[in-house]
PDB file of N, CA and C in Angstrom:
ATOM      1  N   UNK A   1      94.467 -66.311  45.749  1.00  0.00           N
ATOM      2  CA  UNK A   1      94.829 -65.383  44.692  1.00  0.00           C
ATOM      3  C   UNK A   1      96.317 -65.532  44.397  1.00  0.00           C
ATOM      4  N   UNK A   2      96.660 -65.646  43.140  1.00  0.00           N
ATOM      5  CA  UNK A   2      98.060 -65.825  42.774  1.00  0.00           C
ATOM      6  C   UNK A   2      98.822 -64.506  42.887  1.00  0.00           C
ATOM      7  N   UNK A   3     100.134 -64.631  42.994  1.00  0.00           N
ATOM      8  CA  UNK A   3     100.980 -63.442  43.117  1.00  0.00           C
ATOM      9  C   UNK A   3     100.828 -62.539  41.899  1.00  0.00           C
ATOM     10  N   UNK A   4     100.741 -63.090  40.693  1.00  0.00           N
ATOM     11  CA  UNK A   4     100.620 -62.277  39.482  1.00  0.00           C
ATOM     12  C   UNK A   4      99.319 -61.480  39.471  1.00  0.00           C
ATOM     13  N   UNK A   5      98.237 -62.018  40.019  1.00  0.00           N
ATOM     14  CA  UNK A   5      96.977 -61.290  40.090  1.00  0.00           C
ATOM     15  C   UNK A   5      97.101 -60.108  41.044  1.00  0.00           C
ATOM     16  N   UNK A   6      97.760 -60.312  42.176  1.00  0.00           N
ATOM     17  CA  UNK A   6      97.925 -59.236  43.143  1.00  0.00           C
ATOM     18  C   UNK A   6      98.723 -58.072  42.554  1.00  0.00           C
ATOM     19  N   UNK A   7      99.734 -58.356  41.772  1.00  0.00           N
ATOM     20  CA  UNK A   7     100.585 -57.289  41.258  1.00  0.00           C
ATOM     21  C   UNK A   7      99.965 -56.560  40.074  1.00  0.00           C
ATOM     22  N   UNK A   8      98.905 -57.094  39.481  1.00  0.00           N
ATOM     23  CA  UNK A   8      98.298 -56.417  38.343  1.00  0.00           C
ATOM     24  C   UNK A   8      97.124 -55.532  38.754  1.00  0.00           C
ATOM     25  N   UNK A   9      96.846 -55.454  40.030  1.00  0.00           N
ATOM     26  CA  UNK A   9      95.759 -54.596  40.536  1.00  0.00           C
ATOM     27  C   UNK A   9      96.327 -53.574  41.511  1.00  0.00           C
ATOM     28  N   UNK A  10      95.688 -52.412  41.531  1.00  0.00           N
ATOM     29  CA  UNK A  10      96.105 -51.343  42.448  1.00  0.00           C
ATOM     30  C   UNK A  10      94.874 -50.777  43.145  1.00  0.00           C
ATOM     31  N   UNK A  11      95.087 -50.284  44.344  1.00  0.00           N
ATOM     32  CA  UNK A  11      94.021 -49.601  45.075  1.00  0.00           C
ATOM     33  C   UNK A  11      93.796 -48.230  44.452  1.00  0.00           C
ATOM     34  N   UNK A  12      92.531 -47.923  44.175  1.00  0.00           N
ATOM     35  CA  UNK A  12      92.171 -46.627  43.616  1.00  0.00           C
ATOM     36  C   UNK A  12      91.064 -46.035  44.479  1.00  0.00           C
ATOM     37  N   UNK A  13      91.253 -44.804  44.890  1.00  0.00           N
ATOM     38  CA  UNK A  13      90.302 -44.109  45.756  1.00  0.00           C
ATOM     39  C   UNK A  13      89.374 -43.241  44.909  1.00  0.00           C
ATOM     40  N   UNK A  14      88.082 -43.405  45.112  1.00  0.00           N
ATOM     41  CA  UNK A  14      87.072 -42.567  44.466  1.00  0.00           C
ATOM     42  C   UNK A  14      86.395 -41.729  45.548  1.00  0.00           C
ATOM     43  N   UNK A  15      86.268 -40.433  45.297  1.00  0.00           N
ATOM     44  CA  UNK A  15      85.581 -39.538  46.223  1.00  0.00           C
ATOM     45  C   UNK A  15      84.734 -38.548  45.444  1.00  0.00           C
ATOM     46  N   UNK A  16      83.595 -38.203  46.034  1.00  0.00           N
ATOM     47  CA  UNK A  16      82.699 -37.239  45.406  1.00  0.00           C
ATOM     48  C   UNK A  16      81.899 -36.529  46.481  1.00  0.00           C
ATOM     49  N   UNK A  17      81.741 -35.230  46.315  1.00  0.00           N
ATOM     50  CA  UNK A  17      80.842 -34.453  47.172  1.00  0.00           C
ATOM     51  C   UNK A  17      79.458 -34.481  46.536  1.00  0.00           C
ATOM     52  N   UNK A  18      78.468 -34.823  47.327  1.00  0.00           N
ATOM     53  CA  UNK A  18      77.075 -34.870  46.865  1.00  0.00           C
ATOM     54  C   UNK A  18      76.180 -34.502  48.044  1.00  0.00           C
ATOM     55  N   UNK A  19      74.930 -34.282  47.761  1.00  0.00           N
ATOM     56  CA  UNK A  19      73.980 -33.919  48.801  1.00  0.00           C
ATOM     57  C   UNK A  19      73.916 -35.025  49.857  1.00  0.00           C
ATOM     58  N   UNK A  20      73.918 -34.629  51.115  1.00  0.00           N
ATOM     59  CA  UNK A  20      73.824 -35.588  52.212  1.00  0.00           C
ATOM     60  C   UNK A  20      72.621 -36.506  52.012  1.00  0.00           C
ATOM     61  N   UNK A  21      72.833 -37.791  52.231  1.00  0.00           N
ATOM     62  CA  UNK A  21      71.768 -38.775  52.095  1.00  0.00           C
ATOM     63  C   UNK A  21      71.599 -39.322  50.687  1.00  0.00           C
ATOM     64  N   UNK A  22      72.421 -38.877  49.749  1.00  0.00           N
ATOM     65  CA  UNK A  22      72.341 -39.372  48.373  1.00  0.00           C
ATOM     66  C   UNK A  22      72.790 -40.827  48.297  1.00  0.00           C
ATOM     67  N   UNK A  23      72.431 -41.490  47.207  1.00  0.00           N
ATOM     68  CA  UNK A  23      73.003 -42.791  46.895  1.00  0.00           C
ATOM     69  C   UNK A  23      74.011 -42.554  45.774  1.00  0.00           C
ATOM     70  N   UNK A  24      75.242 -43.029  45.984  1.00  0.00           N
ATOM     71  CA  UNK A  24      76.331 -42.767  45.048  1.00  0.00           C
ATOM     72  C   UNK A  24      77.036 -44.077  44.707  1.00  0.00           C
ATOM     73  N   UNK A  25      77.234 -44.305  43.427  1.00  0.00           N
ATOM     74  CA  UNK A  25      77.956 -45.471  42.918  1.00  0.00           C
ATOM     75  C   UNK A  25      78.969 -44.980  41.907  1.00  0.00           C
ATOM     76  N   UNK A  26      79.912 -45.837  41.547  1.00  0.00           N
ATOM     77  CA  UNK A  26      80.808 -45.551  40.432  1.00  0.00           C
ATOM     78  C   UNK A  26      80.697 -46.711  39.452  1.00  0.00           C
ATOM     79  N   UNK A  27      80.509 -46.366  38.182  1.00  0.00           N
ATOM     80  CA  UNK A  27      80.437 -47.363  37.127  1.00  0.00           C
ATOM     81  C   UNK A  27      81.482 -47.043  36.078  1.00  0.00           C
ATOM     82  N   UNK A  28      82.070 -48.081  35.515  1.00  0.00           N
ATOM     83  CA  UNK A  28      83.091 -47.834  34.505  1.00  0.00           C
ATOM     84  C   UNK A  28      83.520 -49.095  33.787  1.00  0.00           C
ATOM     85  N   UNK A  29      84.576 -48.949  33.034  1.00  0.00           N
ATOM     86  CA  UNK A  29      85.096 -50.082  32.269  1.00  0.00           C
ATOM     87  C   UNK A  29      85.552 -51.214  33.179  1.00  0.00           C
ATOM     88  N   UNK A  30      85.872 -50.908  34.418  1.00  0.00           N
ATOM     89  CA  UNK A  30      86.362 -51.908  35.372  1.00  0.00           C
ATOM     90  C   UNK A  30      85.245 -52.741  35.990  1.00  0.00           C
ATOM     91  N   UNK A  31      83.980 -52.322  35.843  1.00  0.00           N
ATOM     92  CA  UNK A  31      82.871 -53.124  36.378  1.00  0.00           C
ATOM     93  C   UNK A  31      81.713 -53.231  35.381  1.00  0.00           C
ATOM     94  N   UNK A  32      82.056 -53.198  34.094  1.00  0.00           N
ATOM     95  CA  UNK A  32      81.066 -53.323  33.010  1.00  0.00           C
ATOM     96  C   UNK A  32      79.977 -52.250  33.074  1.00  0.00           C
ATOM     97  N   UNK A  33      80.337 -51.066  33.553  1.00  0.00           N
ATOM     98  CA  UNK A  33      79.417 -49.925  33.630  1.00  0.00           C
ATOM     99  C   UNK A  33      78.171 -50.250  34.449  1.00  0.00           C
ATOM    100  N   UNK A  34      78.308 -51.132  35.420  1.00  0.00           N
ATOM    101  CA  UNK A  34      77.178 -51.507  36.276  1.00  0.00           C
ATOM    102  C   UNK A  34      76.902 -50.362  37.255  1.00  0.00           C
ATOM    103  N   UNK A  35      75.733 -49.708  37.157  1.00  0.00           N
ATOM    104  CA  UNK A  35      75.459 -48.540  37.993  1.00  0.00           C
ATOM    105  C   UNK A  35      75.158 -48.853  39.459  1.00  0.00           C
ATOM    106  N   UNK A  36      75.146 -50.110  39.837  1.00  0.00           N
ATOM    107  CA  UNK A  36      74.852 -50.468  41.230  1.00  0.00           C
ATOM    108  C   UNK A  36      75.903 -51.384  41.845  1.00  0.00           C
ATOM    109  N   UNK A  37      76.970 -51.671  41.121  1.00  0.00           N
ATOM    110  CA  UNK A  37      77.941 -52.665  41.593  1.00  0.00           C
ATOM    111  C   UNK A  37      78.949 -52.118  42.598  1.00  0.00           C
ATOM    112  N   UNK A  38      79.318 -50.849  42.463  1.00  0.00           N
ATOM    113  CA  UNK A  38      80.389 -50.295  43.304  1.00  0.00           C
ATOM    114  C   UNK A  38      79.895 -49.064  44.060  1.00  0.00           C
ATOM    115  N   UNK A  39      79.300 -49.270  45.243  1.00  0.00           N
ATOM    116  CA  UNK A  39      78.764 -48.140  46.007  1.00  0.00           C
ATOM    117  C   UNK A  39      79.854 -47.331  46.707  1.00  0.00           C
ATOM    118  N   UNK A  40      79.594 -46.042  46.853  1.00  0.00           N
ATOM    119  CA  UNK A  40      80.409 -45.167  47.690  1.00  0.00           C
ATOM    120  C   UNK A  40      79.609 -44.930  48.963  1.00  0.00           C
ATOM    121  N   UNK A  41      80.299 -44.870  50.091  1.00  0.00           N
ATOM    122  CA  UNK A  41      79.633 -44.647  51.376  1.00  0.00           C
ATOM    123  C   UNK A  41      79.831 -43.201  51.801  1.00  0.00           C
ATOM    124  N   UNK A  42      78.814 -42.658  52.443  1.00  0.00           N
ATOM    125  CA  UNK A  42      78.928 -41.304  52.967  1.00  0.00           C
ATOM    126  C   UNK A  42      79.822 -41.355  54.203  1.00  0.00           C
ATOM    127  N   UNK A  43      81.010 -40.799  54.094  1.00  0.00           N
ATOM    128  CA  UNK A  43      82.009 -40.870  55.164  1.00  0.00           C
ATOM    129  C   UNK A  43      81.980 -39.642  56.057  1.00  0.00           C
ATOM    130  N   UNK A  44      81.615 -38.531  55.476  1.00  0.00           N
ATOM    131  CA  UNK A  44      81.423 -37.282  56.205  1.00  0.00           C
ATOM    132  C   UNK A  44      80.187 -36.649  55.599  1.00  0.00           C
ATOM    133  N   UNK A  45      79.728 -35.605  56.188  1.00  0.00           N
ATOM    134  CA  UNK A  45      78.533 -34.935  55.691  1.00  0.00           C
ATOM    135  C   UNK A  45      78.748 -34.493  54.237  1.00  0.00           C
ATOM    136  N   UNK A  46      78.157 -35.233  53.301  1.00  0.00           N
ATOM    137  CA  UNK A  46      78.240 -34.890  51.894  1.00  0.00           C
ATOM    138  C   UNK A  46      79.480 -35.386  51.167  1.00  0.00           C
ATOM    139  N   UNK A  47      80.385 -36.080  51.840  1.00  0.00           N
ATOM    140  CA  UNK A  47      81.566 -36.633  51.168  1.00  0.00           C
ATOM    141  C   UNK A  47      81.418 -38.151  51.091  1.00  0.00           C
ATOM    142  N   UNK A  48      81.382 -38.656  49.881  1.00  0.00           N
ATOM    143  CA  UNK A  48      81.217 -40.077  49.625  1.00  0.00           C
ATOM    144  C   UNK A  48      82.526 -40.640  49.114  1.00  0.00           C
ATOM    145  N   UNK A  49      82.858 -41.861  49.524  1.00  0.00           N
ATOM    146  CA  UNK A  49      84.118 -42.445  49.093  1.00  0.00           C
ATOM    147  C   UNK A  49      84.098 -43.961  49.078  1.00  0.00           C
ATOM    148  N   UNK A  50      85.025 -44.509  48.297  1.00  0.00           N
ATOM    149  CA  UNK A  50      85.242 -45.949  48.231  1.00  0.00           C
ATOM    150  C   UNK A  50      86.623 -46.193  47.644  1.00  0.00           C
ATOM    151  N   UNK A  51      87.236 -47.289  48.068  1.00  0.00           N
ATOM    152  CA  UNK A  51      88.513 -47.716  47.500  1.00  0.00           C
ATOM    153  C   UNK A  51      88.276 -49.043  46.792  1.00  0.00           C
ATOM    154  N   UNK A  52      88.640 -49.098  45.517  1.00  0.00           N
ATOM    155  CA  UNK A  52      88.466 -50.303  44.714  1.00  0.00           C
ATOM    156  C   UNK A  52      89.818 -50.813  44.255  1.00  0.00           C
ATOM    157  N   UNK A  53      89.902 -52.114  44.026  1.00  0.00           N
ATOM    158  CA  UNK A  53      91.095 -52.724  43.442  1.00  0.00           C
ATOM    159  C   UNK A  53      90.862 -52.812  41.943  1.00  0.00           C
ATOM    160  N   UNK A  54      91.651 -52.050  41.175  1.00  0.00           N
ATOM    161  CA  UNK A  54      91.465 -52.013  39.724  1.00  0.00           C
ATOM    162  C   UNK A  54      92.673 -52.590  39.008  1.00  0.00           C
ATOM    163  N   UNK A  55      92.433 -53.246  37.876  1.00  0.00           N
ATOM    164  CA  UNK A  55      93.553 -53.735  37.073  1.00  0.00           C
ATOM    165  C   UNK A  55      94.324 -52.562  36.477  1.00  0.00           C
ATOM    166  N   UNK A  56      95.604 -52.784  36.224  1.00  0.00           N
ATOM    167  CA  UNK A  56      96.417 -51.758  35.593  1.00  0.00           C
ATOM    168  C   UNK A  56      95.885 -51.464  34.199  1.00  0.00           C
ATOM    169  N   UNK A  57      96.032 -50.222  33.778  1.00  0.00           N
ATOM    170  CA  UNK A  57      95.589 -49.820  32.447  1.00  0.00           C
ATOM    171  C   UNK A  57      94.764 -48.556  32.503  1.00  0.00           C
ATOM    172  N   UNK A  58      94.180 -48.194  31.382  1.00  0.00           N
ATOM    173  CA  UNK A  58      93.341 -47.006  31.285  1.00  0.00           C
ATOM    174  C   UNK A  58      91.891 -47.393  31.524  1.00  0.00           C
ATOM    175  N   UNK A  59      91.218 -46.633  32.364  1.00  0.00           N
ATOM    176  CA  UNK A  59      89.818 -46.897  32.704  1.00  0.00           C
ATOM    177  C   UNK A  59      88.989 -45.633  32.519  1.00  0.00           C
ATOM    178  N   UNK A  60      87.790 -45.807  31.994  1.00  0.00           N
ATOM    179  CA  UNK A  60      86.820 -44.727  31.924  1.00  0.00           C
ATOM    180  C   UNK A  60      85.734 -45.024  32.945  1.00  0.00           C
ATOM    181  N   UNK A  61      85.169 -43.955  33.521  1.00  0.00           N
ATOM    182  CA  UNK A  61      84.171 -44.140  34.575  1.00  0.00           C
ATOM    183  C   UNK A  61      83.300 -42.906  34.721  1.00  0.00           C
ATOM    184  N   UNK A  62      82.206 -43.068  35.459  1.00  0.00           N
ATOM    185  CA  UNK A  62      81.332 -41.980  35.869  1.00  0.00           C
ATOM    186  C   UNK A  62      80.745 -42.337  37.226  1.00  0.00           C
ATOM    187  N   UNK A  63      80.356 -41.314  37.964  1.00  0.00           N
ATOM    188  CA  UNK A  63      79.608 -41.520  39.196  1.00  0.00           C
ATOM    189  C   UNK A  63      78.128 -41.575  38.854  1.00  0.00           C
ATOM    190  N   UNK A  64      77.377 -42.314  39.659  1.00  0.00           N
ATOM    191  CA  UNK A  64      75.925 -42.363  39.526  1.00  0.00           C
ATOM    192  C   UNK A  64      75.360 -41.853  40.849  1.00  0.00           C
ATOM    193  N   UNK A  65      74.791 -40.656  40.806  1.00  0.00           N
ATOM    194  CA  UNK A  65      74.262 -40.002  42.008  1.00  0.00           C
ATOM    195  C   UNK A  65      72.744 -39.950  41.897  1.00  0.00           C
ATOM    196  N   UNK A  66      72.080 -40.663  42.796  1.00  0.00           N
ATOM    197  CA  UNK A  66      70.617 -40.739  42.787  1.00  0.00           C
ATOM    198  C   UNK A  66      70.091 -41.093  41.396  1.00  0.00           C
ATOM    199  N   UNK A  67      70.780 -42.035  40.716  1.00  0.00           N
ATOM    200  CA  UNK A  67      70.362 -42.512  39.409  1.00  0.00           C
ATOM    201  C   UNK A  67      70.845 -41.688  38.231  1.00  0.00           C
ATOM    202  N   UNK A  68      71.545 -40.590  38.472  1.00  0.00           N
ATOM    203  CA  UNK A  68      72.022 -39.719  37.396  1.00  0.00           C
ATOM    204  C   UNK A  68      73.528 -39.871  37.197  1.00  0.00           C
ATOM    205  N   UNK A  69      73.941 -40.164  35.954  1.00  0.00           N
ATOM    206  CA  UNK A  69      75.355 -40.340  35.633  1.00  0.00           C
ATOM    207  C   UNK A  69      76.049 -38.978  35.600  1.00  0.00           C
ATOM    208  N   UNK A  70      77.247 -38.893  36.241  1.00  0.00           N
ATOM    209  CA  UNK A  70      78.007 -37.645  36.294  1.00  0.00           C
ATOM    210  C   UNK A  70      79.498 -37.922  36.138  1.00  0.00           C
ATOM    211  N   UNK A  71      80.170 -37.028  35.418  1.00  0.00           N
ATOM    212  CA  UNK A  71      81.636 -37.097  35.357  1.00  0.00           C
ATOM    213  C   UNK A  71      82.217 -36.716  36.710  1.00  0.00           C
ATOM    214  N   UNK A  72      83.440 -37.112  36.944  1.00  0.00           N
ATOM    215  CA  UNK A  72      84.170 -36.764  38.157  1.00  0.00           C
ATOM    216  C   UNK A  72      84.695 -35.329  38.007  1.00  0.00           C
ATOM    217  N   UNK A  73      84.196 -34.378  38.789  1.00  0.00           N
ATOM    218  CA  UNK A  73      84.639 -32.994  38.644  1.00  0.00           C
ATOM    219  C   UNK A  73      86.104 -32.785  39.032  1.00  0.00           C
ATOM    220  N   UNK A  74      86.699 -33.747  39.728  1.00  0.00           N
ATOM    221  CA  UNK A  74      88.096 -33.629  40.153  1.00  0.00           C
ATOM    222  C   UNK A  74      89.068 -34.346  39.223  1.00  0.00           C
ATOM    223  N   UNK A  75      88.558 -34.939  38.159  1.00  0.00           N
ATOM    224  CA  UNK A  75      89.401 -35.662  37.208  1.00  0.00           C
ATOM    225  C   UNK A  75      89.672 -34.757  36.003  1.00  0.00           C
ATOM    226  N   UNK A  76      90.941 -34.481  35.711  1.00  0.00           N
ATOM    227  CA  UNK A  76      91.252 -33.579  34.596  1.00  0.00           C
ATOM    228  C   UNK A  76      91.223 -34.240  33.220  1.00  0.00           C
ATOM    229  N   UNK A  77      91.071 -35.556  33.155  1.00  0.00           N
ATOM    230  CA  UNK A  77      91.135 -36.273  31.885  1.00  0.00           C
ATOM    231  C   UNK A  77      89.769 -36.861  31.552  1.00  0.00           C
ATOM    232  N   UNK A  78      89.160 -36.386  30.482  1.00  0.00           N
ATOM    233  CA  UNK A  78      87.850 -36.865  30.062  1.00  0.00           C
ATOM    234  C   UNK A  78      87.928 -37.374  28.637  1.00  0.00           C
ATOM    235  N   UNK A  79      87.047 -38.300  28.290  1.00  0.00           N
ATOM    236  CA  UNK A  79      87.006 -38.864  26.941  1.00  0.00           C
ATOM    237  C   UNK A  79      85.556 -38.879  26.451  1.00  0.00           C
ATOM    238  N   UNK A  80      85.331 -38.572  25.168  1.00  0.00           N
ATOM    239  CA  UNK A  80      83.966 -38.653  24.632  1.00  0.00           C
ATOM    240  C   UNK A  80      83.491 -40.102  24.579  1.00  0.00           C
ATOM    241  N   UNK A  81      82.184 -40.289  24.740  1.00  0.00           N
ATOM    242  CA  UNK A  81      81.627 -41.640  24.665  1.00  0.00           C
ATOM    243  C   UNK A  81      80.599 -41.734  23.539  1.00  0.00           C
ATOM    244  N   UNK A  82      80.063 -42.908  23.319  1.00  0.00           N
ATOM    245  CA  UNK A  82      79.128 -43.146  22.213  1.00  0.00           C
ATOM    246  C   UNK A  82      77.765 -42.492  22.419  1.00  0.00           C
ATOM    247  N   UNK A  83      77.502 -41.973  23.618  1.00  0.00           N
ATOM    248  CA  UNK A  83      76.226 -41.316  23.902  1.00  0.00           C
ATOM    249  C   UNK A  83      76.282 -39.805  23.666  1.00  0.00           C
ATOM    250  N   UNK A  84      77.448 -39.319  23.228  1.00  0.00           N
ATOM    251  CA  UNK A  84      77.599 -37.892  22.982  1.00  0.00           C
ATOM    252  C   UNK A  84      77.927 -37.085  24.222  1.00  0.00           C
ATOM    253  N   UNK A  85      78.282 -37.767  25.310  1.00  0.00           N
ATOM    254  CA  UNK A  85      78.693 -37.086  26.541  1.00  0.00           C
ATOM    255  C   UNK A  85      80.148 -37.447  26.818  1.00  0.00           C
ATOM    256  N   UNK A  86      80.606 -37.133  28.006  1.00  0.00           N
ATOM    257  CA  UNK A  86      81.988 -37.409  28.381  1.00  0.00           C
ATOM    258  C   UNK A  86      82.058 -38.431  29.505  1.00  0.00           C
ATOM    259  N   UNK A  87      83.152 -39.192  29.532  1.00  0.00           N
ATOM    260  CA  UNK A  87      83.497 -40.073  30.646  1.00  0.00           C
ATOM    261  C   UNK A  87      84.769 -39.534  31.274  1.00  0.00           C
ATOM    262  N   UNK A  88      84.914 -39.702  32.575  1.00  0.00           N
ATOM    263  CA  UNK A  88      86.185 -39.436  33.230  1.00  0.00           C
ATOM    264  C   UNK A  88      87.124 -40.570  32.879  1.00  0.00           C
ATOM    265  N   UNK A  89      88.412 -40.259  32.783  1.00  0.00           N
ATOM    266  CA  UNK A  89      89.386 -41.291  32.384  1.00  0.00           C
ATOM    267  C   UNK A  89      90.590 -41.231  33.308  1.00  0.00           C
ATOM    268  N   UNK A  90      91.088 -42.416  33.702  1.00  0.00           N
ATOM    269  CA  UNK A  90      92.254 -42.488  34.571  1.00  0.00           C
ATOM    270  C   UNK A  90      93.188 -43.583  34.092  1.00  0.00           C
ATOM    271  N   UNK A  91      94.440 -43.399  34.448  1.00  0.00           N
ATOM    272  CA  UNK A  91      95.467 -44.414  34.166  1.00  0.00           C
ATOM    273  C   UNK A  91      95.860 -45.046  35.492  1.00  0.00           C
ATOM    274  N   UNK A  92      95.742 -46.368  35.595  1.00  0.00           N
ATOM    275  CA  UNK A  92      96.161 -47.092  36.788  1.00  0.00           C
ATOM    276  C   UNK A  92      97.453 -47.813  36.428  1.00  0.00           C
ATOM    277  N   UNK A  93      98.512 -47.478  37.145  1.00  0.00           N
ATOM    278  CA  UNK A  93      99.798 -48.055  36.802  1.00  0.00           C
ATOM    279  C   UNK A  93     100.463 -48.633  37.918  1.00  0.00           C
TER     280      UNK A  93
END
């Protein structure tokens, strides 16, 4: 990996509380909205988390919990999408 590639990505932590034993993923602009590409692991009873390396810029995302898309309840910035719902939005700098 070149030095320029390393400096254009940052570690981003995703966390979500969900029912114990759930399957949780995060999909967004950073992984082509793939609902199975970026899994979160249950780290504590009902707390799911993952750290991803994301490119700098603005990203929209949602969690996928047991097949159901959900906004991040801890993210204060949301954006409307083409489906008439909202996406969570973050700035990676």
